[in-house]
Protein backbone atom coordinates (compact mmCIF):
# COMPACT_ATOMS: atom_id res chain seq x y z
CA MET A 1 18.31 -45.34 -215.63
CA LYS A 2 14.86 -46.98 -215.70
CA GLN A 3 13.91 -45.13 -212.49
CA LEU A 4 15.05 -41.81 -214.00
CA ILE A 5 12.97 -42.39 -217.14
CA LEU A 6 9.90 -43.13 -215.04
CA ILE A 7 10.38 -39.95 -213.03
CA ILE A 8 10.73 -37.87 -216.20
CA LEU A 9 7.60 -39.44 -217.66
CA SER A 10 5.78 -38.80 -214.41
CA LEU A 11 6.63 -35.12 -214.58
CA ALA A 12 5.70 -34.96 -218.26
CA ILE A 13 2.16 -36.23 -217.75
CA SER A 14 1.51 -34.59 -214.40
CA SER A 15 -0.74 -32.02 -216.06
CA THR A 16 -3.24 -34.82 -216.76
CA ALA A 17 -2.83 -36.48 -213.37
CA PHE A 18 -4.88 -34.17 -211.24
CA GLY A 19 -7.17 -35.34 -208.47
CA TRP A 20 -10.89 -35.71 -208.04
CA GLY A 21 -12.87 -34.36 -210.95
CA GLN A 22 -14.49 -30.98 -210.48
CA LYS A 23 -17.41 -32.49 -208.57
CA GLY A 24 -15.17 -34.20 -206.02
CA HIS A 25 -13.26 -31.03 -205.22
CA ASP A 26 -16.51 -29.07 -204.95
CA VAL A 27 -17.86 -31.66 -202.51
CA THR A 28 -14.71 -31.52 -200.38
CA ALA A 29 -14.79 -27.73 -200.16
CA ALA A 30 -18.54 -27.60 -199.49
CA LEU A 31 -18.26 -30.19 -196.72
CA ALA A 32 -15.46 -28.21 -195.14
CA GLU A 33 -17.44 -25.00 -195.34
CA GLN A 34 -20.28 -26.61 -193.37
CA HIS A 35 -17.95 -27.10 -190.40
CA LEU A 36 -16.03 -23.85 -190.23
CA THR A 37 -16.24 -21.82 -187.07
CA ARG A 38 -17.89 -18.45 -187.47
CA LYS A 39 -14.55 -16.70 -187.08
CA ALA A 40 -12.81 -18.92 -189.62
CA ALA A 41 -15.64 -18.54 -192.14
CA LYS A 42 -15.52 -14.76 -191.84
CA ARG A 43 -11.75 -14.58 -192.29
CA ILE A 44 -11.75 -17.02 -195.22
CA HIS A 45 -14.56 -15.10 -196.90
CA ARG A 46 -12.45 -11.94 -196.70
CA ILE A 47 -9.25 -13.61 -197.96
CA LEU A 48 -11.08 -15.15 -200.93
CA ASP A 49 -12.60 -11.80 -202.00
CA GLY A 50 -16.07 -12.78 -200.87
CA ARG A 51 -16.07 -16.10 -202.73
CA SER A 52 -16.81 -19.49 -201.23
CA PRO A 53 -14.09 -22.17 -200.89
CA VAL A 54 -16.19 -24.10 -203.43
CA TYR A 55 -15.64 -21.35 -205.99
CA TRP A 56 -11.86 -21.87 -205.76
CA SER A 57 -11.76 -25.62 -205.17
CA ASN A 58 -10.61 -26.45 -208.72
CA TRP A 59 -8.49 -23.36 -209.24
CA MET A 60 -5.18 -25.16 -208.76
CA ASP A 61 -5.79 -27.68 -211.55
CA ASN A 62 -6.04 -24.77 -213.98
CA ALA A 63 -3.24 -22.76 -212.37
CA SER A 64 -0.76 -25.64 -212.64
CA HIS A 65 -1.04 -25.38 -216.42
CA THR A 66 0.21 -21.78 -216.40
CA PRO A 67 3.86 -20.66 -216.43
CA GLN A 68 3.40 -18.84 -213.12
CA TYR A 69 2.46 -22.02 -211.25
CA ALA A 70 4.08 -24.69 -213.41
CA ALA A 71 6.32 -25.67 -210.49
CA THR A 72 3.25 -27.00 -208.67
CA LYS A 73 2.49 -29.77 -211.19
CA THR A 74 3.98 -32.49 -209.00
CA TRP A 75 2.24 -31.23 -205.85
CA HIS A 76 -0.97 -33.12 -206.65
CA TYR A 77 0.30 -36.63 -205.86
CA LEU A 78 2.89 -38.81 -204.11
CA ASN A 79 3.79 -42.04 -205.90
CA VAL A 80 4.37 -45.18 -203.84
CA GLU A 81 5.73 -48.08 -205.87
CA ALA A 82 4.17 -51.53 -205.68
CA GLY A 83 5.72 -53.48 -202.82
CA GLN A 84 6.89 -50.34 -201.03
CA SER A 85 5.51 -49.09 -197.76
CA PHE A 86 4.36 -45.49 -197.66
CA ASP A 87 7.41 -44.49 -195.64
CA GLU A 88 9.76 -46.09 -198.21
CA ALA A 89 8.39 -44.04 -201.10
CA ARG A 90 10.77 -41.78 -202.98
CA ARG A 91 9.79 -38.18 -202.33
CA ILE A 92 9.68 -35.85 -205.35
CA PRO A 93 12.36 -33.12 -205.09
CA GLU A 94 10.04 -30.64 -206.81
CA GLY A 95 7.41 -31.32 -204.15
CA ASP A 96 4.53 -33.74 -203.63
CA VAL A 97 1.08 -33.57 -202.11
CA LEU A 98 2.17 -34.33 -198.54
CA GLY A 99 5.06 -31.88 -198.59
CA ALA A 100 2.90 -29.20 -200.18
CA VAL A 101 0.03 -29.53 -197.70
CA THR A 102 2.45 -29.57 -194.74
CA GLN A 103 4.34 -26.49 -195.92
CA ILE A 104 1.22 -24.53 -196.85
CA VAL A 105 -0.35 -25.16 -193.45
CA ASP A 106 2.86 -24.02 -191.77
CA ARG A 107 2.99 -20.84 -193.88
CA LEU A 108 -0.62 -19.96 -193.21
CA LYS A 109 -0.27 -20.59 -189.47
CA ALA A 110 2.90 -18.49 -189.30
CA GLY A 111 1.20 -15.52 -190.94
CA GLY A 112 3.06 -12.54 -192.38
CA LEU A 113 1.97 -13.26 -195.95
CA SER A 114 0.77 -10.57 -198.29
CA PRO A 115 -2.96 -10.69 -199.08
CA GLN A 116 -2.19 -12.18 -202.50
CA GLU A 117 0.20 -14.79 -201.07
CA GLU A 118 -2.31 -15.78 -198.42
CA ALA A 119 -5.12 -16.16 -200.97
CA VAL A 120 -2.97 -18.32 -203.26
CA ASN A 121 -1.85 -20.57 -200.41
CA LEU A 122 -5.42 -20.94 -199.15
CA LYS A 123 -6.73 -21.85 -202.61
CA MET A 124 -3.97 -24.45 -202.93
CA LEU A 125 -4.73 -25.97 -199.54
CA ILE A 126 -8.43 -26.29 -200.37
CA HIS A 127 -7.52 -28.24 -203.50
CA LEU A 128 -4.62 -30.34 -202.25
CA VAL A 129 -6.38 -31.78 -199.21
CA GLY A 130 -8.86 -33.16 -201.73
CA ASP A 131 -6.07 -34.60 -203.87
CA MET A 132 -4.51 -36.24 -200.82
CA HIS A 133 -7.69 -38.28 -200.39
CA CYS A 134 -8.04 -39.29 -204.06
CA PRO A 135 -6.70 -42.88 -203.95
CA MET A 136 -4.77 -43.01 -207.20
CA HIS A 137 -2.79 -39.95 -206.16
CA LEU A 138 -0.91 -42.34 -203.92
CA GLY A 139 -0.56 -44.78 -206.82
CA HIS A 140 2.45 -46.56 -208.32
CA LEU A 141 5.31 -44.73 -210.00
CA SER A 142 5.69 -47.55 -212.54
CA ASP A 143 2.23 -46.91 -214.01
CA LEU A 144 2.23 -43.18 -213.28
CA GLY A 145 -0.44 -43.32 -210.63
CA GLY A 146 -2.69 -45.61 -212.65
CA ASN A 147 -2.46 -43.54 -215.84
CA ARG A 148 -0.83 -46.51 -217.58
CA HIS A 149 -3.02 -49.12 -215.88
CA ALA A 150 -5.44 -49.95 -218.69
CA VAL A 151 -9.02 -50.90 -217.83
CA ARG A 152 -12.43 -50.64 -219.48
CA PHE A 153 -15.25 -48.64 -217.95
CA PHE A 154 -18.60 -49.94 -219.19
CA GLY A 155 -16.84 -51.05 -222.38
CA ARG A 156 -14.90 -47.81 -222.91
CA PRO A 157 -11.08 -48.04 -222.90
CA THR A 158 -9.62 -45.87 -220.17
CA ASN A 159 -7.20 -46.08 -217.25
CA LEU A 160 -7.49 -46.65 -213.53
CA HIS A 161 -6.51 -43.09 -212.66
CA SER A 162 -9.29 -41.57 -214.74
CA VAL A 163 -11.83 -44.00 -213.33
CA TRP A 164 -11.05 -42.95 -209.79
CA ASP A 165 -10.68 -39.24 -210.51
CA THR A 166 -14.04 -38.78 -212.18
CA ASP A 167 -15.88 -41.76 -213.66
CA LEU A 168 -16.62 -43.70 -210.49
CA ALA A 169 -18.04 -40.77 -208.51
CA GLU A 170 -20.32 -39.76 -211.38
CA ALA A 171 -21.47 -43.35 -211.93
CA GLY A 172 -22.19 -43.82 -208.25
CA HIS A 173 -24.39 -40.75 -207.83
CA LYS A 174 -25.64 -38.18 -210.32
CA TRP A 175 -25.84 -35.57 -207.59
CA SER A 176 -24.92 -31.91 -207.42
CA TYR A 177 -22.17 -31.10 -204.95
CA SER A 178 -24.74 -29.78 -202.49
CA GLU A 179 -26.67 -33.06 -202.72
CA TRP A 180 -23.46 -34.97 -202.02
CA VAL A 181 -22.95 -32.89 -198.89
CA GLU A 182 -26.54 -33.40 -197.78
CA GLN A 183 -26.21 -37.18 -198.11
CA LEU A 184 -22.71 -37.57 -196.62
CA ASP A 185 -22.68 -35.08 -193.78
CA LEU A 186 -24.63 -37.18 -191.29
CA LEU A 187 -22.13 -38.08 -188.56
CA PRO A 188 -22.55 -36.91 -184.96
CA LYS A 189 -20.03 -34.41 -183.65
CA SER A 190 -17.92 -36.98 -181.82
CA ALA A 191 -17.58 -39.15 -184.93
CA ARG A 192 -16.70 -36.12 -187.07
CA ARG A 193 -13.99 -35.16 -184.60
CA GLU A 194 -12.56 -38.68 -184.66
CA LEU A 195 -12.56 -38.81 -188.46
CA ALA A 196 -10.77 -35.47 -188.69
CA SER A 197 -8.03 -36.44 -186.23
CA GLY A 198 -4.45 -37.22 -187.19
CA SER A 199 -1.87 -35.42 -189.32
CA PRO A 200 -1.56 -34.97 -193.09
CA ALA A 201 1.06 -37.73 -193.06
CA ASP A 202 -1.44 -40.05 -191.36
CA TRP A 203 -4.05 -39.18 -193.98
CA ALA A 204 -1.70 -39.78 -196.91
CA ARG A 205 -0.64 -43.13 -195.41
CA GLU A 206 -4.32 -44.06 -195.02
CA THR A 207 -5.06 -43.11 -198.63
CA HIS A 208 -2.16 -45.25 -199.78
CA ALA A 209 -3.71 -48.23 -197.96
CA VAL A 210 -6.99 -47.59 -199.80
CA CYS A 211 -5.09 -47.34 -203.09
CA THR A 212 -3.39 -50.67 -202.46
CA GLN A 213 -6.79 -52.32 -202.00
CA ILE A 214 -7.96 -50.80 -205.29
CA TYR A 215 -4.97 -52.16 -207.20
CA ASP A 216 -5.57 -55.61 -205.71
CA ALA A 217 -9.22 -55.49 -206.82
CA THR A 218 -8.52 -54.05 -210.28
CA PRO A 219 -5.93 -55.98 -212.32
CA GLU A 220 -4.92 -54.45 -215.61
CA GLY A 221 -7.58 -55.14 -218.23
CA THR A 222 -10.45 -55.23 -215.72
CA GLU A 223 -13.91 -54.68 -217.19
CA ILE A 224 -15.43 -52.21 -214.75
CA SER A 225 -19.21 -52.34 -214.61
CA TYR A 226 -22.13 -52.17 -212.18
CA ASP A 227 -20.71 -54.54 -209.59
CA TYR A 228 -17.50 -52.52 -209.30
CA VAL A 229 -19.45 -49.26 -209.01
CA ALA A 230 -21.61 -50.76 -206.25
CA ARG A 231 -18.55 -52.07 -204.42
CA PHE A 232 -16.46 -48.91 -204.50
CA THR A 233 -18.93 -46.03 -204.40
CA PRO A 234 -18.87 -46.24 -200.57
CA THR A 235 -15.09 -45.80 -200.77
CA VAL A 236 -15.54 -42.62 -202.82
CA GLU A 237 -18.04 -41.38 -200.26
CA GLN A 238 -15.69 -42.23 -197.40
CA GLN A 239 -12.72 -40.43 -198.97
CA LEU A 240 -14.70 -37.29 -199.78
CA LEU A 241 -16.12 -37.11 -196.27
CA ARG A 242 -12.68 -37.57 -194.76
CA ALA A 243 -11.25 -34.86 -197.01
CA GLY A 244 -13.98 -32.34 -196.22
CA LEU A 245 -13.89 -32.80 -192.45
CA ARG A 246 -10.10 -32.75 -192.35
CA LEU A 247 -9.93 -29.63 -194.48
CA ALA A 248 -12.38 -27.97 -192.08
CA ARG A 249 -10.18 -28.93 -189.14
CA LEU A 250 -7.08 -27.43 -190.74
CA LEU A 251 -8.89 -24.23 -191.69
CA ASN A 252 -10.31 -23.85 -188.19
CA GLU A 253 -6.86 -24.36 -186.69
CA ILE A 254 -5.44 -21.68 -188.99
CA TYR A 255 -8.26 -19.14 -188.91
CA GLY A 256 -10.70 -20.11 -186.16
C-alpha cells in the first residue's frame, strides 16, 4: 500500500518534476547542433519547419501540461529507490525516460511516420536526452526524485530536485546558452566520440551513479552555498556535455 501511494504521488507531481531548467535544455540542444552532419542538419531543419533544435528544446515541458500529451508526464524521469541498483528499479507502466528515449529512437529510425508524427517525436527526443542526464531524474521514489528532499539554497528553503534542475547551473555560470557551448565544447574528436559511446541504458545507469553521489553529499537539511556550487558545477558541465554529444550521435544515426 505504501508503494502504491508513493507511485500515485509521483504521478501527481510529475508536472513539476521536469528536467534541466530552460537554459540546460538549450545548452544540450545547441551542443548537439554543433556536431550534426550536414545531411542530418538539413533534414532536421526541414522536419522542424526551419527552426533550430534549440527552439524546440523545452517544448515537451509545456506539452506535457496539455491534455493531448498528458500521457507523457512520467517520461521525464526514472526513479531508483535508495539501496536499489539501477537494474532493480521499478519501471513505470506509463513510461519513463529510458523507455521513451529507446522507443522514440526506434520509431524515428524505422521511418514511415507522418510529418507531424516525426516532428513531435524529434522534439521529444531533443528534450528527453537532456532529462536523462539531469541527475535527480534518476532520483529516489520515496522522495519523488528529490522533490521532498528539503535543503536550503543560499538561505532559501527549496528542495534537491529544484537545485539540480535550475539553481545550480545558474549559480555556477551566468552564461547564455551559446556561451555555455563555447566554454564546454573543447574536446578533440576522439574524446567526443568516446564520450558519446554507449546506449541510452548505459547513460541512464551512469546518471544514476552521479545521482547517488549527490544524495551522499547532500543530506536532507543541507545548507547549500558557495562551496557546494564550486564542488558540483563541474558535474553540471559534465552532464550537459554528455547530453549534447550523445544527442548529436543519436540524431546523426537517425538522419545523417
